[in-house]
Amino acid sequence: MSNMQRFILELERIVAEMKKTSPAPFSPAGGGRAPAPSSPPAGGDWVEHECKYWAIKPTQKGGTMGSFGTSVNGEKVYFKCFDEALLMKHDPSKGTRWLLKLKPWNDTFTIQDMKPADGGGDDEIPF
């Protein structure tokens, strides 16, 4: 067995062990308090997170990308948003709580929809 094969087997063993002992990485249990049952719309998988960072930047292909920073299990995590309608609608401030509908993307998640956790909509951009 080559060194590369041993390395891959060891990594697979570590990942399997982590999956057994860790909660789901981006579930309400792993990312803060669970939203009230009436908050998320029916059929959606919404999770609640506190905004610790928010920035909007241009992408290399000429589009726009939002970056929502939060903490999950004590680690910094950034969710990307490429939906320009959402970027024009919301401007999360640090310390506010948000309901996010996430979709897997590469090795992270993208924001498909977002709204303030309190339902107030106070962080909408006033146009």
Protein backbone atom coordinates (compact mmCIF):
# COMPACT_ATOMS: atom_id res chain seq x y z
CA MET A 1 0.00 0.00 0.00
CA SER A 2 1.43 3.38 -0.99
CA ASN A 3 1.76 6.36 1.33
CA MET A 4 -0.97 8.15 -0.62
CA GLN A 5 -3.41 5.26 -0.13
CA ARG A 6 -2.63 5.16 3.62
CA PHE A 7 -3.17 8.89 3.84
CA ILE A 8 -6.54 8.66 2.05
CA LEU A 9 -7.69 5.79 4.27
CA GLU A 10 -6.72 7.71 7.40
CA LEU A 11 -8.60 10.80 6.21
CA GLU A 12 -11.68 8.72 5.42
CA ARG A 13 -11.51 7.17 8.90
CA ILE A 14 -11.28 10.61 10.52
CA VAL A 15 -14.23 11.94 8.50
CA ALA A 16 -16.36 8.90 9.39
CA GLU A 17 -15.53 9.38 13.08
CA MET A 18 -16.41 13.08 12.92
CA LYS A 19 -19.75 12.34 11.26
CA LYS A 20 -20.64 9.94 14.08
CA THR A 21 -19.79 12.37 16.91
CA SER A 22 -20.68 15.80 15.52
CA PRO A 23 -24.10 17.44 15.06
CA ALA A 24 -25.12 18.49 11.55
CA PRO A 25 -22.80 21.43 10.74
CA PHE A 26 -25.40 23.95 9.66
CA SER A 27 -28.51 22.81 11.47
CA PRO A 28 -30.23 24.99 14.08
CA ALA A 29 -28.68 22.73 16.75
CA GLY A 30 -25.20 23.51 15.42
CA GLY A 31 -25.68 27.17 14.55
CA GLY A 32 -27.62 28.84 17.32
CA ARG A 33 -31.10 28.74 18.75
CA ALA A 34 -33.79 27.09 16.69
CA PRO A 35 -36.33 29.48 15.11
CA ALA A 36 -39.89 29.43 16.34
CA PRO A 37 -41.95 26.78 14.51
CA SER A 38 -44.18 29.42 12.93
CA SER A 39 -41.23 31.47 11.57
CA PRO A 40 -40.11 29.39 8.58
CA PRO A 41 -42.50 29.00 5.67
CA ALA A 42 -43.89 25.52 5.07
CA GLY A 43 -41.59 23.25 3.10
CA GLY A 44 -38.42 25.29 3.66
CA ASP A 45 -35.29 24.32 5.55
CA TRP A 46 -34.47 27.57 7.32
CA VAL A 47 -31.72 28.01 9.89
CA GLU A 48 -31.17 30.95 12.19
CA HIS A 49 -27.76 32.63 12.50
CA GLU A 50 -26.39 35.82 14.01
CA CYS A 51 -24.77 38.17 11.51
CA LYS A 52 -21.16 38.78 12.50
CA TYR A 53 -20.00 40.04 9.09
CA TRP A 54 -21.69 41.30 5.93
CA ALA A 55 -20.04 42.58 2.77
CA ILE A 56 -20.97 42.89 -0.90
CA LYS A 57 -18.22 42.51 -3.47
CA PRO A 58 -17.91 42.10 -7.25
CA THR A 59 -17.19 38.62 -8.59
CA GLN A 60 -14.49 37.79 -11.13
CA LYS A 61 -17.19 37.22 -13.76
CA GLY A 62 -18.70 40.69 -13.28
CA GLY A 63 -21.59 39.73 -10.98
CA THR A 64 -22.20 40.65 -7.36
CA MET A 65 -21.65 38.49 -4.29
CA GLY A 66 -22.72 38.97 -0.68
CA SER A 67 -20.82 37.32 2.13
CA PHE A 68 -22.66 36.57 5.41
CA GLY A 69 -20.27 35.72 8.25
CA THR A 70 -21.40 33.85 11.35
CA SER A 71 -20.14 31.37 13.92
CA VAL A 72 -21.04 27.66 13.76
CA ASN A 73 -19.80 25.43 16.59
CA GLY A 74 -17.30 28.14 17.56
CA GLU A 75 -15.80 28.43 14.06
CA LYS A 76 -16.12 31.33 11.62
CA VAL A 77 -18.24 30.43 8.59
CA TYR A 78 -19.09 32.52 5.54
CA PHE A 79 -22.16 31.88 3.40
CA LYS A 80 -22.17 33.40 -0.10
CA CYS A 81 -25.17 35.00 -1.79
CA PHE A 82 -25.28 35.54 -5.56
CA ASP A 83 -28.97 36.53 -5.75
CA GLU A 84 -28.85 40.21 -6.70
CA ALA A 85 -32.52 40.74 -5.72
CA LEU A 86 -31.70 39.62 -2.16
CA LEU A 87 -28.56 41.75 -2.11
CA MET A 88 -30.61 44.80 -3.12
CA LYS A 89 -33.34 44.04 -0.58
CA HIS A 90 -31.39 43.33 2.62
CA ASP A 91 -28.44 44.86 4.44
CA PRO A 92 -27.83 42.79 7.62
CA SER A 93 -26.17 44.60 10.49
CA LYS A 94 -23.72 43.01 12.86
CA GLY A 95 -25.45 41.38 15.83
CA THR A 96 -28.84 40.87 14.16
CA ARG A 97 -30.34 37.39 13.79
CA TRP A 98 -31.37 36.09 10.36
CA LEU A 99 -33.28 33.12 8.99
CA LEU A 100 -31.35 31.72 6.04
CA LYS A 101 -32.39 29.14 3.47
CA LEU A 102 -29.13 27.48 2.44
CA LYS A 103 -28.18 25.30 -0.51
CA PRO A 104 -24.96 23.22 -0.75
CA TRP A 105 -22.35 24.77 -3.04
CA ASN A 106 -18.78 23.47 -3.48
CA ASP A 107 -17.50 22.92 0.07
CA THR A 108 -19.85 25.46 1.68
CA PHE A 109 -23.41 26.78 1.28
CA THR A 110 -25.06 29.61 -0.65
CA ILE A 111 -27.95 31.71 0.60
CA GLN A 112 -31.09 31.08 -1.47
CA ASP A 113 -33.36 33.27 0.68
CA MET A 114 -33.03 35.30 3.84
CA LYS A 115 -35.18 37.31 6.21
CA PRO A 116 -34.80 38.87 9.66
CA ALA A 117 -35.45 36.30 12.41
CA ASP A 118 -37.77 38.65 14.27
CA GLY A 119 -39.87 39.07 11.12
CA GLY A 120 -39.60 42.84 11.34
CA GLY A 121 -37.73 43.52 8.12
CA ASP A 122 -35.97 46.51 9.71
CA ASP A 123 -32.78 45.77 7.82
CA GLU A 124 -34.32 46.21 4.39
CA ILE A 125 -32.63 48.88 2.31
CA PRO A 126 -35.03 51.85 2.12
CA PHE A 127 -35.34 52.59 -1.62
